[in-house]
């Protein structure tokens, strides 16, 4: 059995791919909702990598260490509540400004130039 077909290795590689996709989304896209989704994808990748490392560290035993698993479950709950807060803040920003980005609005003209 090759090391690439090991389930912990596959989970680790999938987690690394999710981290890359999420980081790309957070950096490149200007829309805040896409950044929130990208941040969630990034977090899911980190949780998957952490679970894979905990599984590999278990050794020859079938079950993994319960402490990292409990930490991942707690992290998922915290990430869900942080996402709900971020979406509520984005909704408030949209209600106040009519935009879902943090870029300044385009200038319409100089003040006092109306004739």
N, C-alpha and C. Protein backbone atom coordinates (compact mmCIF):
# COMPACT_ATOMS: atom_id res chain seq x y z
N UNK A 1 0.85 -1.17 0.00
CA UNK A 1 0.00 0.00 0.00
C UNK A 1 0.90 1.24 0.00
N UNK A 2 0.71 2.09 -0.99
CA UNK A 2 1.54 3.29 -1.08
C UNK A 2 1.08 4.33 -0.06
N UNK A 3 1.96 5.26 0.22
CA UNK A 3 1.63 6.26 1.24
C UNK A 3 0.58 7.26 0.76
N UNK A 4 0.41 7.39 -0.56
CA UNK A 4 -0.60 8.33 -1.07
C UNK A 4 -2.01 7.78 -0.89
N UNK A 5 -2.15 6.46 -0.82
CA UNK A 5 -3.50 5.90 -0.66
C UNK A 5 -3.90 5.78 0.80
N UNK A 6 -3.03 6.22 1.69
CA UNK A 6 -3.36 6.25 3.11
C UNK A 6 -4.47 7.28 3.32
N UNK A 7 -5.56 6.93 4.03
CA UNK A 7 -6.66 7.90 4.21
C UNK A 7 -6.24 9.20 4.87
N UNK A 8 -5.33 9.14 5.84
CA UNK A 8 -4.90 10.37 6.50
C UNK A 8 -4.16 11.28 5.53
N UNK A 9 -3.39 10.69 4.61
CA UNK A 9 -2.68 11.49 3.61
C UNK A 9 -3.66 12.13 2.63
N UNK A 10 -4.66 11.36 2.21
CA UNK A 10 -5.67 11.93 1.30
C UNK A 10 -6.46 13.06 1.95
N UNK A 11 -6.81 12.87 3.23
CA UNK A 11 -7.52 13.94 3.94
C UNK A 11 -6.63 15.17 4.07
N UNK A 12 -5.35 14.96 4.34
CA UNK A 12 -4.42 16.08 4.45
C UNK A 12 -4.26 16.83 3.14
N UNK A 13 -4.17 16.09 2.03
CA UNK A 13 -4.06 16.75 0.72
C UNK A 13 -5.34 17.50 0.35
N UNK A 14 -6.49 16.91 0.65
CA UNK A 14 -7.76 17.62 0.39
C UNK A 14 -7.86 18.87 1.26
N UNK A 15 -7.42 18.77 2.50
CA UNK A 15 -7.42 19.94 3.38
C UNK A 15 -6.50 21.03 2.86
N UNK A 16 -5.33 20.64 2.35
CA UNK A 16 -4.40 21.63 1.78
C UNK A 16 -5.01 22.29 0.55
N UNK A 17 -5.72 21.52 -0.28
CA UNK A 17 -6.38 22.10 -1.44
C UNK A 17 -7.46 23.09 -1.01
N UNK A 18 -8.23 22.76 0.02
CA UNK A 18 -9.26 23.67 0.51
C UNK A 18 -8.64 24.95 1.08
N UNK A 19 -7.52 24.81 1.78
CA UNK A 19 -6.84 26.00 2.31
C UNK A 19 -6.39 26.89 1.16
N UNK A 20 -5.84 26.30 0.10
CA UNK A 20 -5.40 27.10 -1.05
C UNK A 20 -6.55 27.81 -1.74
N UNK A 21 -7.66 27.10 -1.95
CA UNK A 21 -8.83 27.70 -2.59
C UNK A 21 -9.39 28.83 -1.73
N UNK A 22 -9.51 28.58 -0.44
CA UNK A 22 -10.05 29.61 0.46
C UNK A 22 -9.15 30.83 0.54
N UNK A 23 -7.85 30.62 0.62
CA UNK A 23 -6.92 31.75 0.68
C UNK A 23 -6.96 32.56 -0.60
N UNK A 24 -7.03 31.89 -1.74
CA UNK A 24 -7.15 32.58 -3.03
C UNK A 24 -8.42 33.44 -3.07
N UNK A 25 -9.53 32.87 -2.60
CA UNK A 25 -10.80 33.60 -2.62
C UNK A 25 -10.76 34.82 -1.71
N UNK A 26 -10.17 34.66 -0.54
CA UNK A 26 -10.10 35.79 0.41
C UNK A 26 -9.23 36.91 -0.14
N UNK A 27 -8.15 36.56 -0.83
CA UNK A 27 -7.22 37.58 -1.32
C UNK A 27 -7.72 38.26 -2.58
N UNK A 28 -8.29 37.51 -3.52
CA UNK A 28 -8.56 38.03 -4.86
C UNK A 28 -9.91 38.74 -4.98
N UNK A 29 -10.96 38.20 -4.41
CA UNK A 29 -12.31 38.72 -4.66
C UNK A 29 -12.61 39.95 -3.80
N UNK A 30 -13.15 41.02 -4.41
CA UNK A 30 -13.46 42.22 -3.63
C UNK A 30 -14.79 42.14 -2.88
N UNK A 31 -15.70 41.28 -3.31
CA UNK A 31 -17.00 41.17 -2.66
C UNK A 31 -16.88 40.54 -1.28
N UNK A 32 -17.54 41.15 -0.30
CA UNK A 32 -17.41 40.67 1.07
C UNK A 32 -18.08 39.32 1.29
N UNK A 33 -19.19 39.05 0.60
CA UNK A 33 -19.83 37.76 0.78
C UNK A 33 -18.94 36.63 0.25
N UNK A 34 -18.27 36.87 -0.86
CA UNK A 34 -17.33 35.86 -1.37
C UNK A 34 -16.15 35.68 -0.42
N UNK A 35 -15.72 36.75 0.20
CA UNK A 35 -14.63 36.63 1.17
C UNK A 35 -15.07 35.84 2.39
N UNK A 36 -16.30 36.02 2.82
CA UNK A 36 -16.81 35.24 3.95
C UNK A 36 -16.86 33.76 3.60
N UNK A 37 -17.34 33.44 2.41
CA UNK A 37 -17.39 32.05 1.97
C UNK A 37 -15.97 31.49 1.83
N UNK A 38 -15.06 32.28 1.28
CA UNK A 38 -13.66 31.85 1.17
C UNK A 38 -13.04 31.60 2.54
N UNK A 39 -13.37 32.43 3.50
CA UNK A 39 -12.85 32.24 4.85
C UNK A 39 -13.39 30.95 5.46
N UNK A 40 -14.65 30.62 5.16
CA UNK A 40 -15.22 29.35 5.63
C UNK A 40 -14.54 28.16 4.97
N UNK A 41 -14.24 28.26 3.68
CA UNK A 41 -13.53 27.17 2.99
C UNK A 41 -12.14 27.02 3.58
N UNK A 42 -11.47 28.13 3.85
CA UNK A 42 -10.15 28.09 4.48
C UNK A 42 -10.21 27.40 5.84
N UNK A 43 -11.20 27.74 6.63
CA UNK A 43 -11.35 27.11 7.95
C UNK A 43 -11.65 25.63 7.85
N UNK A 44 -12.48 25.24 6.88
CA UNK A 44 -12.79 23.82 6.70
C UNK A 44 -11.53 23.04 6.33
N UNK A 45 -10.68 23.64 5.51
CA UNK A 45 -9.42 22.98 5.16
C UNK A 45 -8.51 22.82 6.37
N UNK A 46 -8.46 23.83 7.21
CA UNK A 46 -7.63 23.75 8.42
C UNK A 46 -8.17 22.68 9.36
N UNK A 47 -9.49 22.61 9.50
CA UNK A 47 -10.08 21.57 10.35
C UNK A 47 -9.77 20.18 9.80
N UNK A 48 -9.82 20.03 8.48
CA UNK A 48 -9.54 18.74 7.87
C UNK A 48 -8.07 18.36 8.05
N UNK A 49 -7.17 19.31 7.89
CA UNK A 49 -5.74 19.03 8.11
C UNK A 49 -5.49 18.66 9.57
N UNK A 50 -6.11 19.39 10.47
CA UNK A 50 -5.92 19.11 11.90
C UNK A 50 -6.43 17.72 12.25
N UNK A 51 -7.57 17.33 11.68
CA UNK A 51 -8.10 15.99 11.92
C UNK A 51 -7.21 14.92 11.32
N UNK A 52 -6.64 15.19 10.15
CA UNK A 52 -5.75 14.21 9.51
C UNK A 52 -4.47 14.04 10.31
N UNK A 53 -3.93 15.13 10.84
CA UNK A 53 -2.72 15.04 11.65
C UNK A 53 -3.01 14.28 12.94
N UNK A 54 -4.16 14.52 13.53
CA UNK A 54 -4.53 13.80 14.75
C UNK A 54 -4.71 12.31 14.46
N UNK A 55 -5.24 11.99 13.30
CA UNK A 55 -5.43 10.59 12.92
C UNK A 55 -4.09 9.91 12.69
N UNK A 56 -3.16 10.60 12.04
CA UNK A 56 -1.82 10.02 11.80
C UNK A 56 -1.07 9.85 13.11
N UNK A 57 -1.26 10.77 14.03
CA UNK A 57 -0.56 10.69 15.31
C UNK A 57 -1.07 9.59 16.21
N UNK A 58 -2.21 9.00 15.86
CA UNK A 58 -2.77 7.94 16.69
C UNK A 58 -1.95 6.66 16.60
N UNK A 59 -1.12 6.54 15.56
CA UNK A 59 -0.26 5.37 15.43
C UNK A 59 -0.99 4.22 14.78
N UNK A 60 -0.73 3.03 15.25
CA UNK A 60 -1.30 1.83 14.64
C UNK A 60 -2.74 1.60 15.05
N UNK A 61 -3.21 2.30 16.07
CA UNK A 61 -4.58 2.11 16.53
C UNK A 61 -5.59 2.60 15.50
N UNK A 62 -6.79 2.07 15.55
CA UNK A 62 -7.82 2.42 14.58
C UNK A 62 -8.43 3.77 14.88
N UNK A 63 -8.59 4.10 16.13
CA UNK A 63 -9.24 5.35 16.50
C UNK A 63 -8.21 6.45 16.72
N UNK A 64 -8.63 7.68 16.47
CA UNK A 64 -7.76 8.83 16.67
C UNK A 64 -7.85 9.34 18.09
N UNK A 65 -7.05 10.35 18.37
CA UNK A 65 -7.03 10.98 19.68
C UNK A 65 -8.29 11.83 19.84
N UNK A 66 -9.04 11.70 20.94
CA UNK A 66 -10.29 12.46 21.08
C UNK A 66 -10.09 13.95 21.35
N UNK A 67 -8.94 14.36 21.86
CA UNK A 67 -8.73 15.77 22.19
C UNK A 67 -8.72 16.64 20.93
N UNK A 68 -7.94 16.31 19.89
CA UNK A 68 -8.02 17.13 18.67
C UNK A 68 -9.40 17.08 18.01
N UNK A 69 -10.07 15.94 18.12
CA UNK A 69 -11.42 15.86 17.56
C UNK A 69 -12.37 16.81 18.28
N UNK A 70 -12.26 16.89 19.59
CA UNK A 70 -13.09 17.82 20.36
C UNK A 70 -12.75 19.27 20.02
N UNK A 71 -11.47 19.55 19.78
CA UNK A 71 -11.08 20.90 19.41
C UNK A 71 -11.63 21.28 18.03
N UNK A 72 -11.65 20.33 17.10
CA UNK A 72 -12.20 20.60 15.77
C UNK A 72 -13.70 20.85 15.86
N UNK A 73 -14.40 20.06 16.65
CA UNK A 73 -15.84 20.27 16.80
C UNK A 73 -16.12 21.64 17.42
N UNK A 74 -15.35 22.03 18.42
CA UNK A 74 -15.50 23.36 19.02
C UNK A 74 -15.18 24.45 18.00
N UNK A 75 -14.15 24.23 17.18
CA UNK A 75 -13.80 25.20 16.14
C UNK A 75 -14.90 25.36 15.10
N UNK A 76 -15.57 24.26 14.77
CA UNK A 76 -16.67 24.32 13.81
C UNK A 76 -17.81 25.17 14.36
N UNK A 77 -18.12 24.99 15.64
CA UNK A 77 -19.19 25.78 16.26
C UNK A 77 -18.83 27.26 16.30
N UNK A 78 -17.58 27.57 16.65
CA UNK A 78 -17.13 28.97 16.69
C UNK A 78 -17.14 29.57 15.28
N UNK A 79 -16.70 28.80 14.29
CA UNK A 79 -16.70 29.28 12.90
C UNK A 79 -18.12 29.56 12.42
N UNK A 80 -19.06 28.71 12.80
CA UNK A 80 -20.46 28.93 12.41
C UNK A 80 -21.00 30.22 13.01
N UNK A 81 -20.72 30.45 14.29
CA UNK A 81 -21.22 31.67 14.92
C UNK A 81 -20.52 32.92 14.37
N UNK A 82 -19.24 32.81 14.06
CA UNK A 82 -18.53 33.95 13.46
C UNK A 82 -19.05 34.25 12.06
N UNK A 83 -19.42 33.21 11.32
CA UNK A 83 -19.99 33.41 9.99
C UNK A 83 -21.35 34.10 10.10
N UNK A 84 -22.16 33.68 11.05
CA UNK A 84 -23.46 34.32 11.23
C UNK A 84 -23.30 35.80 11.59
N UNK A 85 -22.33 36.11 12.44
CA UNK A 85 -22.07 37.50 12.80
C UNK A 85 -21.57 38.29 11.60
N UNK A 86 -20.68 37.71 10.79
CA UNK A 86 -20.15 38.40 9.62
C UNK A 86 -21.25 38.67 8.59
N UNK A 87 -22.14 37.71 8.38
CA UNK A 87 -23.24 37.92 7.43
C UNK A 87 -24.20 38.98 7.95
N UNK A 88 -24.46 39.01 9.26
CA UNK A 88 -25.33 40.05 9.82
C UNK A 88 -24.69 41.44 9.67
N UNK A 89 -23.39 41.52 9.87
CA UNK A 89 -22.70 42.80 9.69
C UNK A 89 -22.69 43.21 8.22
N UNK A 90 -22.54 42.26 7.32
CA UNK A 90 -22.60 42.56 5.89
C UNK A 90 -23.99 43.06 5.50
N UNK A 91 -25.03 42.46 6.06
CA UNK A 91 -26.39 42.91 5.79
C UNK A 91 -26.59 44.34 6.29
N UNK A 92 -26.06 44.65 7.45
CA UNK A 92 -26.16 46.01 8.00
C UNK A 92 -25.40 47.01 7.13
N UNK A 93 -24.21 46.62 6.66
CA UNK A 93 -23.44 47.49 5.77
C UNK A 93 -24.21 47.76 4.48
N UNK A 94 -24.84 46.72 3.94
CA UNK A 94 -25.61 46.90 2.71
C UNK A 94 -26.83 47.79 2.95
N UNK A 95 -27.47 47.62 4.10
CA UNK A 95 -28.64 48.46 4.41
C UNK A 95 -28.25 49.93 4.54
N UNK A 96 -27.07 50.21 5.11
CA UNK A 96 -26.64 51.59 5.31
C UNK A 96 -26.08 52.24 4.06
N UNK A 97 -25.31 51.49 3.26
CA UNK A 97 -24.60 52.09 2.14
C UNK A 97 -25.12 51.66 0.77
N UNK A 98 -25.84 50.55 0.70
CA UNK A 98 -26.30 50.04 -0.58
C UNK A 98 -25.21 49.30 -1.35
N UNK A 99 -24.07 49.08 -0.73
CA UNK A 99 -22.95 48.37 -1.36
C UNK A 99 -22.54 47.20 -0.47
N UNK A 100 -22.00 46.17 -1.11
CA UNK A 100 -21.51 45.01 -0.35
C UNK A 100 -20.00 44.89 -0.45
N UNK A 101 -19.32 46.00 -0.70
CA UNK A 101 -17.86 46.04 -0.74
C UNK A 101 -17.38 47.17 0.16
N UNK A 102 -16.11 47.14 0.46
CA UNK A 102 -15.53 48.20 1.29
C UNK A 102 -14.82 49.25 0.46
N UNK A 103 -14.90 49.15 -0.87
CA UNK A 103 -14.27 50.14 -1.73
C UNK A 103 -15.03 51.45 -1.64
N UNK A 104 -14.34 52.58 -1.68
CA UNK A 104 -15.04 53.87 -1.63
C UNK A 104 -15.85 54.08 -2.90
N UNK A 105 -16.98 54.76 -2.80
CA UNK A 105 -17.79 55.01 -4.00
C UNK A 105 -17.07 55.94 -4.97
N UNK A 106 -17.42 55.84 -6.23
CA UNK A 106 -16.81 56.70 -7.26
C UNK A 106 -17.27 58.14 -7.04
N UNK A 107 -16.37 59.09 -7.18
CA UNK A 107 -16.77 60.49 -7.00
C UNK A 107 -17.70 60.93 -8.13
N UNK A 108 -18.74 61.63 -7.75
CA UNK A 108 -19.72 62.11 -8.74
C UNK A 108 -19.32 63.48 -9.29
N UNK A 109 -18.50 64.15 -8.61
CA UNK A 109 -18.08 65.50 -9.03
C UNK A 109 -17.56 66.26 -7.83
N UNK A 110 -16.95 67.40 -8.10
CA UNK A 110 -16.43 68.20 -7.02
C UNK A 110 -17.58 68.91 -6.31
N UNK A 111 -17.49 69.07 -5.00
CA UNK A 111 -18.54 69.82 -4.30
C UNK A 111 -18.51 71.29 -4.73
N UNK A 112 -19.68 71.82 -4.94
CA UNK A 112 -19.79 73.23 -5.30
C UNK A 112 -19.63 73.50 -6.78
N UNK A 113 -19.56 72.45 -7.61
CA UNK A 113 -19.37 72.68 -9.06
C UNK A 113 -20.70 72.69 -9.79
N UNK A 114 -21.82 72.57 -9.07
CA UNK A 114 -23.13 72.61 -9.74
C UNK A 114 -23.45 74.04 -10.14
N UNK A 115 -23.91 74.22 -11.37
CA UNK A 115 -24.28 75.57 -11.82
C UNK A 115 -25.66 75.58 -12.41
